[in-house]
Amino acid sequence: MLYLLFKSLHIITMVAWFAGLFYLVRLFVYHVEAFDQEEDKRIILTKQFNIMERRLYRFICNPAMMLTWTFGLIMLYMNGLEWLKLNPWMHIKITLVILLTLYHLRCKKYIEKLDQGIKPFNSFQYRLFNELPTLFLVTIVILAVFKNSTNYVYTFGGIIAFAIVLFLIVRLYKSKREK
């Protein structure tokens, strides 16, 4: 019963973490677009986006990430080392969560740069960057649901195909916006 409680809390905090990351990078898109506004409007918008990004990162993304890791590690401990050895899907999932954590930490750098008035990316590049967590989410959920019954080659191929579709959708959206 305790394991199921930790599993529920792990899923809840994971949802909060992803929601925060999706919204944070969307704010980056709007923040970068605000740089193109006339000066008085730009000053107001960039100041507001700075506040929103810092608060979202500090009060939603960071706690959700830490709790997701905490509950996940508790469940790993409860399952034991032998269970971990027998479940290669978990090795892939842990690797993806480490990569997602690096993405999370990279977002902090972008907050700092945008706060200084530096545009590391344009809005299109941030839109693409915003799709990376989608790929993590889809892959992690597929691994967690199918576990060892997953054919990793087909799964990886499907994720690559999904990434291409996402890229094409973002490009199509860009071309529509430019018209």
C-alpha atoms as a PDB file:
ATOM      1  CA  MET A   1       0.000   0.000   0.000  1.00  0.00           C
ATOM      2  CA  LEU A   2       2.837   2.390   0.855  1.00  0.00           C
ATOM      3  CA  TYR A   3       4.444   1.634  -2.509  1.00  0.00           C
ATOM      4  CA  LEU A   4       1.245   2.667  -4.319  1.00  0.00           C
ATOM      5  CA  LEU A   5       1.179   5.919  -2.342  1.00  0.00           C
ATOM      6  CA  PHE A   6       4.735   6.710  -3.467  1.00  0.00           C
ATOM      7  CA  LYS A   7       3.862   5.718  -7.028  1.00  0.00           C
ATOM      8  CA  SER A   8       0.858   8.077  -7.000  1.00  0.00           C
ATOM      9  CA  LEU A   9       2.943  10.913  -5.590  1.00  0.00           C
ATOM     10  CA  HIS A  10       5.646  10.212  -8.189  1.00  0.00           C
ATOM     11  CA  ILE A  11       3.105  10.500 -11.028  1.00  0.00           C
ATOM     12  CA  ILE A  12       1.498  13.652  -9.570  1.00  0.00           C
ATOM     13  CA  THR A  13       4.815  15.452  -9.132  1.00  0.00           C
ATOM     14  CA  MET A  14       5.970  14.297 -12.573  1.00  0.00           C
ATOM     15  CA  VAL A  15       2.855  15.858 -14.115  1.00  0.00           C
ATOM     16  CA  ALA A  16       3.548  19.104 -12.243  1.00  0.00           C
ATOM     17  CA  TRP A  17       7.183  19.060 -13.382  1.00  0.00           C
ATOM     18  CA  PHE A  18       6.264  18.607 -17.040  1.00  0.00           C
ATOM     19  CA  ALA A  19       3.515  21.225 -16.832  1.00  0.00           C
ATOM     20  CA  GLY A  20       6.011  23.686 -15.399  1.00  0.00           C
ATOM     21  CA  LEU A  21       8.588  22.967 -18.099  1.00  0.00           C
ATOM     22  CA  PHE A  22       6.033  23.250 -20.902  1.00  0.00           C
ATOM     23  CA  TYR A  23       4.821  26.605 -19.608  1.00  0.00           C
ATOM     24  CA  LEU A  24       8.302  27.915 -18.795  1.00  0.00           C
ATOM     25  CA  VAL A  25       9.650  27.516 -22.312  1.00  0.00           C
ATOM     26  CA  ARG A  26       6.426  28.924 -23.739  1.00  0.00           C
ATOM     27  CA  LEU A  27       7.171  32.000 -21.614  1.00  0.00           C
ATOM     28  CA  PHE A  28      10.626  32.104 -23.224  1.00  0.00           C
ATOM     29  CA  VAL A  29       8.935  32.269 -26.644  1.00  0.00           C
ATOM     30  CA  TYR A  30       6.810  35.242 -25.579  1.00  0.00           C
ATOM     31  CA  HIS A  31       9.739  36.858 -23.768  1.00  0.00           C
ATOM     32  CA  VAL A  32      11.912  36.771 -26.899  1.00  0.00           C
ATOM     33  CA  GLU A  33       9.048  38.128 -28.992  1.00  0.00           C
ATOM     34  CA  ALA A  34       8.672  40.988 -26.491  1.00  0.00           C
ATOM     35  CA  PHE A  35      12.194  42.156 -27.390  1.00  0.00           C
ATOM     36  CA  ASP A  36      10.806  43.173 -30.791  1.00  0.00           C
ATOM     37  CA  GLN A  37       8.223  45.531 -29.296  1.00  0.00           C
ATOM     38  CA  GLU A  38       8.616  49.308 -29.037  1.00  0.00           C
ATOM     39  CA  GLU A  39      10.742  50.362 -26.071  1.00  0.00           C
ATOM     40  CA  ASP A  40       8.093  51.266 -23.465  1.00  0.00           C
ATOM     41  CA  LYS A  41       6.088  48.108 -24.180  1.00  0.00           C
ATOM     42  CA  ARG A  42       9.276  45.977 -24.285  1.00  0.00           C
ATOM     43  CA  ILE A  43      10.382  47.212 -20.856  1.00  0.00           C
ATOM     44  CA  ILE A  44       7.048  46.340 -19.250  1.00  0.00           C
ATOM     45  CA  LEU A  45       6.743  42.944 -20.944  1.00  0.00           C
ATOM     46  CA  THR A  46      10.313  41.761 -20.355  1.00  0.00           C
ATOM     47  CA  LYS A  47      10.149  42.768 -16.696  1.00  0.00           C
ATOM     48  CA  GLN A  48       6.900  40.817 -16.278  1.00  0.00           C
ATOM     49  CA  PHE A  49       8.258  37.758 -18.109  1.00  0.00           C
ATOM     50  CA  ASN A  50      11.383  37.819 -15.919  1.00  0.00           C
ATOM     51  CA  ILE A  51       9.201  37.682 -12.801  1.00  0.00           C
ATOM     52  CA  MET A  52       6.943  34.942 -14.189  1.00  0.00           C
ATOM     53  CA  GLU A  53       9.854  32.756 -15.345  1.00  0.00           C
ATOM     54  CA  ARG A  54      11.758  33.010 -12.060  1.00  0.00           C
ATOM     55  CA  ARG A  55       8.679  32.265  -9.948  1.00  0.00           C
ATOM     56  CA  LEU A  56       7.550  29.355 -12.120  1.00  0.00           C
ATOM     57  CA  TYR A  57      11.021  27.825 -12.040  1.00  0.00           C
ATOM     58  CA  ARG A  58      11.560  28.359  -8.318  1.00  0.00           C
ATOM     59  CA  PHE A  59       8.109  27.494  -6.969  1.00  0.00           C
ATOM     60  CA  ILE A  60       6.770  24.895  -9.435  1.00  0.00           C
ATOM     61  CA  CYS A  61       9.514  23.346 -11.569  1.00  0.00           C
ATOM     62  CA  ASN A  62      12.209  22.903  -8.905  1.00  0.00           C
ATOM     63  CA  PRO A  63      10.016  21.402  -6.155  1.00  0.00           C
ATOM     64  CA  ALA A  64       8.218  19.156  -8.666  1.00  0.00           C
ATOM     65  CA  MET A  65      11.536  17.904 -10.080  1.00  0.00           C
ATOM     66  CA  MET A  66      12.969  17.218  -6.623  1.00  0.00           C
ATOM     67  CA  LEU A  67       9.850  15.401  -5.457  1.00  0.00           C
ATOM     68  CA  THR A  68       9.654  13.364  -8.675  1.00  0.00           C
ATOM     69  CA  TRP A  69      13.233  12.228  -8.111  1.00  0.00           C
ATOM     70  CA  THR A  70      12.614  11.581  -4.410  1.00  0.00           C
ATOM     71  CA  PHE A  71       9.542   9.393  -4.910  1.00  0.00           C
ATOM     72  CA  GLY A  72      11.174   7.598  -7.846  1.00  0.00           C
ATOM     73  CA  LEU A  73      14.278   6.798  -5.813  1.00  0.00           C
ATOM     74  CA  ILE A  74      12.140   5.607  -2.885  1.00  0.00           C
ATOM     75  CA  MET A  75      10.330   3.197  -5.229  1.00  0.00           C
ATOM     76  CA  LEU A  76      13.651   1.978  -6.643  1.00  0.00           C
ATOM     77  CA  TYR A  77      14.867   1.343  -3.110  1.00  0.00           C
ATOM     78  CA  MET A  78      11.649  -0.491  -2.220  1.00  0.00           C
ATOM     79  CA  ASN A  79      11.961  -2.708  -5.329  1.00  0.00           C
ATOM     80  CA  GLY A  80      15.599  -3.532  -4.616  1.00  0.00           C
ATOM     81  CA  LEU A  81      18.767  -3.898  -6.627  1.00  0.00           C
ATOM     82  CA  GLU A  82      17.833  -7.326  -8.010  1.00  0.00           C
ATOM     83  CA  TRP A  83      14.606  -5.899  -9.492  1.00  0.00           C
ATOM     84  CA  LEU A  84      16.612  -3.083 -11.105  1.00  0.00           C
ATOM     85  CA  LYS A  85      19.008  -5.587 -12.682  1.00  0.00           C
ATOM     86  CA  LEU A  86      16.085  -7.512 -14.212  1.00  0.00           C
ATOM     87  CA  ASN A  87      14.394  -4.428 -15.728  1.00  0.00           C
ATOM     88  CA  PRO A  88      16.436  -2.795 -18.486  1.00  0.00           C
ATOM     89  CA  TRP A  89      13.563  -0.467 -19.334  1.00  0.00           C
ATOM     90  CA  MET A  90      14.217   1.254 -15.993  1.00  0.00           C
ATOM     91  CA  HIS A  91      17.830   1.942 -16.988  1.00  0.00           C
ATOM     92  CA  ILE A  92      16.570   3.755 -20.084  1.00  0.00           C
ATOM     93  CA  LYS A  93      13.962   5.618 -18.048  1.00  0.00           C
ATOM     94  CA  ILE A  94      16.556   6.767 -15.508  1.00  0.00           C
ATOM     95  CA  THR A  95      18.807   7.947 -18.351  1.00  0.00           C
ATOM     96  CA  LEU A  96      15.917   9.929 -19.841  1.00  0.00           C
ATOM     97  CA  VAL A  97      15.092  11.472 -16.461  1.00  0.00           C
ATOM     98  CA  ILE A  98      18.735  12.496 -16.076  1.00  0.00           C
ATOM     99  CA  LEU A  99      18.584  14.116 -19.530  1.00  0.00           C
ATOM    100  CA  LEU A 100      15.306  15.817 -18.596  1.00  0.00           C
ATOM    101  CA  THR A 101      16.984  17.134 -15.446  1.00  0.00           C
ATOM    102  CA  LEU A 102      19.776  18.582 -17.601  1.00  0.00           C
ATOM    103  CA  TYR A 103      17.102  20.217 -19.788  1.00  0.00           C
ATOM    104  CA  HIS A 104      15.545  21.628 -16.599  1.00  0.00           C
ATOM    105  CA  LEU A 105      18.910  23.044 -15.488  1.00  0.00           C
ATOM    106  CA  ARG A 106      19.505  24.504 -18.963  1.00  0.00           C
ATOM    107  CA  CYS A 107      16.226  26.381 -18.622  1.00  0.00           C
ATOM    108  CA  LYS A 108      17.664  28.124 -15.547  1.00  0.00           C
ATOM    109  CA  LYS A 109      20.540  29.410 -17.706  1.00  0.00           C
ATOM    110  CA  TYR A 110      18.044  30.749 -20.248  1.00  0.00           C
ATOM    111  CA  ILE A 111      16.119  32.527 -17.495  1.00  0.00           C
ATOM    112  CA  GLU A 112      19.344  34.236 -16.408  1.00  0.00           C
ATOM    113  CA  LYS A 113      20.284  35.218 -19.977  1.00  0.00           C
ATOM    114  CA  LEU A 114      16.818  36.578 -20.771  1.00  0.00           C
ATOM    115  CA  ASP A 115      16.893  38.478 -17.483  1.00  0.00           C
ATOM    116  CA  GLN A 116      20.095  40.162 -18.710  1.00  0.00           C
ATOM    117  CA  GLY A 117      18.462  41.063 -22.024  1.00  0.00           C
ATOM    118  CA  ILE A 118      20.353  38.385 -23.976  1.00  0.00           C
ATOM    119  CA  LYS A 119      18.406  36.318 -26.532  1.00  0.00           C
ATOM    120  CA  PRO A 120      20.052  32.865 -26.712  1.00  0.00           C
ATOM    121  CA  PHE A 121      17.442  31.714 -29.252  1.00  0.00           C
ATOM    122  CA  ASN A 122      14.768  33.240 -31.430  1.00  0.00           C
ATOM    123  CA  SER A 123      11.108  32.372 -30.872  1.00  0.00           C
ATOM    124  CA  PHE A 124      11.147  29.569 -33.473  1.00  0.00           C
ATOM    125  CA  GLN A 125      14.134  27.906 -31.805  1.00  0.00           C
ATOM    126  CA  TYR A 126      12.418  28.145 -28.411  1.00  0.00           C
ATOM    127  CA  ARG A 127       9.304  26.574 -29.930  1.00  0.00           C
ATOM    128  CA  LEU A 128      11.450  23.640 -31.024  1.00  0.00           C
ATOM    129  CA  PHE A 129      13.152  23.539 -27.616  1.00  0.00           C
ATOM    130  CA  ASN A 130       9.676  23.440 -26.061  1.00  0.00           C
ATOM    131  CA  GLU A 131       8.935  20.161 -27.864  1.00  0.00           C
ATOM    132  CA  LEU A 132      11.811  18.260 -26.246  1.00  0.00           C
ATOM    133  CA  PRO A 133       9.894  17.535 -23.019  1.00  0.00           C
ATOM    134  CA  THR A 134       7.096  16.113 -25.165  1.00  0.00           C
ATOM    135  CA  LEU A 135       9.542  13.543 -26.537  1.00  0.00           C
ATOM    136  CA  PHE A 136      10.752  12.746 -23.015  1.00  0.00           C
ATOM    137  CA  LEU A 137       7.185  12.422 -21.749  1.00  0.00           C
ATOM    138  CA  VAL A 138       6.033  10.112 -24.539  1.00  0.00           C
ATOM    139  CA  THR A 139       9.111   7.904 -24.260  1.00  0.00           C
ATOM    140  CA  ILE A 140       9.056   7.668 -20.465  1.00  0.00           C
ATOM    141  CA  VAL A 141       5.337   6.846 -20.360  1.00  0.00           C
ATOM    142  CA  ILE A 142       5.688   4.186 -23.061  1.00  0.00           C
ATOM    143  CA  LEU A 143       8.579   2.612 -21.151  1.00  0.00           C
ATOM    144  CA  ALA A 144       6.698   2.714 -17.841  1.00  0.00           C
ATOM    145  CA  VAL A 145       3.560   1.168 -19.313  1.00  0.00           C
ATOM    146  CA  PHE A 146       5.077  -1.499 -21.573  1.00  0.00           C
ATOM    147  CA  LYS A 147       8.160  -2.151 -19.418  1.00  0.00           C
ATOM    148  CA  ASN A 148      10.213  -5.105 -20.715  1.00  0.00           C
ATOM    149  CA  SER A 149       7.675  -6.055 -23.390  1.00  0.00           C
ATOM    150  CA  THR A 150       8.767  -3.032 -25.432  1.00  0.00           C
ATOM    151  CA  ASN A 151      10.750  -3.597 -28.596  1.00  0.00           C
ATOM    152  CA  TYR A 152      13.312  -0.841 -28.060  1.00  0.00           C
ATOM    153  CA  VAL A 153      14.218  -0.540 -31.753  1.00  0.00           C
ATOM    154  CA  TYR A 154      10.596   0.043 -32.780  1.00  0.00           C
ATOM    155  CA  THR A 155       9.990   2.314 -29.816  1.00  0.00           C
ATOM    156  CA  PHE A 156      13.052   4.411 -30.648  1.00  0.00           C
ATOM    157  CA  GLY A 157      12.027   4.520 -34.327  1.00  0.00           C
ATOM    158  CA  GLY A 158       8.529   5.604 -33.353  1.00  0.00           C
ATOM    159  CA  ILE A 159       9.891   8.355 -31.119  1.00  0.00           C
ATOM    160  CA  ILE A 160      12.132   9.597 -33.955  1.00  0.00           C
ATOM    161  CA  ALA A 161       9.129   9.613 -36.313  1.00  0.00           C
ATOM    162  CA  PHE A 162       7.103  11.490 -33.686  1.00  0.00           C
ATOM    163  CA  ALA A 163       9.949  14.021 -33.314  1.00  0.00           C
ATOM    164  CA  ILE A 164       9.963  14.599 -37.066  1.00  0.00           C
ATOM    165  CA  VAL A 165       6.195  15.137 -37.066  1.00  0.00           C
ATOM    166  CA  LEU A 166       6.529  17.632 -34.185  1.00  0.00           C
ATOM    167  CA  PHE A 167       9.286  19.470 -36.059  1.00  0.00           C
ATOM    168  CA  LEU A 168       7.148  19.672 -39.199  1.00  0.00           C
ATOM    169  CA  ILE A 169       4.179  20.987 -37.218  1.00  0.00           C
ATOM    170  CA  VAL A 170       6.325  23.705 -35.646  1.00  0.00           C
ATOM    171  CA  ARG A 171       7.722  24.626 -39.088  1.00  0.00           C
ATOM    172  CA  LEU A 172       4.202  24.752 -40.543  1.00  0.00           C
ATOM    173  CA  TYR A 173       3.093  26.992 -37.676  1.00  0.00           C
ATOM    174  CA  LYS A 174       6.095  29.258 -38.300  1.00  0.00           C
ATOM    175  CA  SER A 175       5.281  29.597 -42.012  1.00  0.00           C
ATOM    176  CA  LYS A 176       1.618  30.408 -41.223  1.00  0.00           C
ATOM    177  CA  ARG A 177       2.685  33.071 -38.700  1.00  0.00           C
ATOM    178  CA  GLU A 178       5.028  34.669 -41.218  1.00  0.00           C
ATOM    179  CA  LYS A 179       2.256  35.063 -43.811  1.00  0.00           C
END
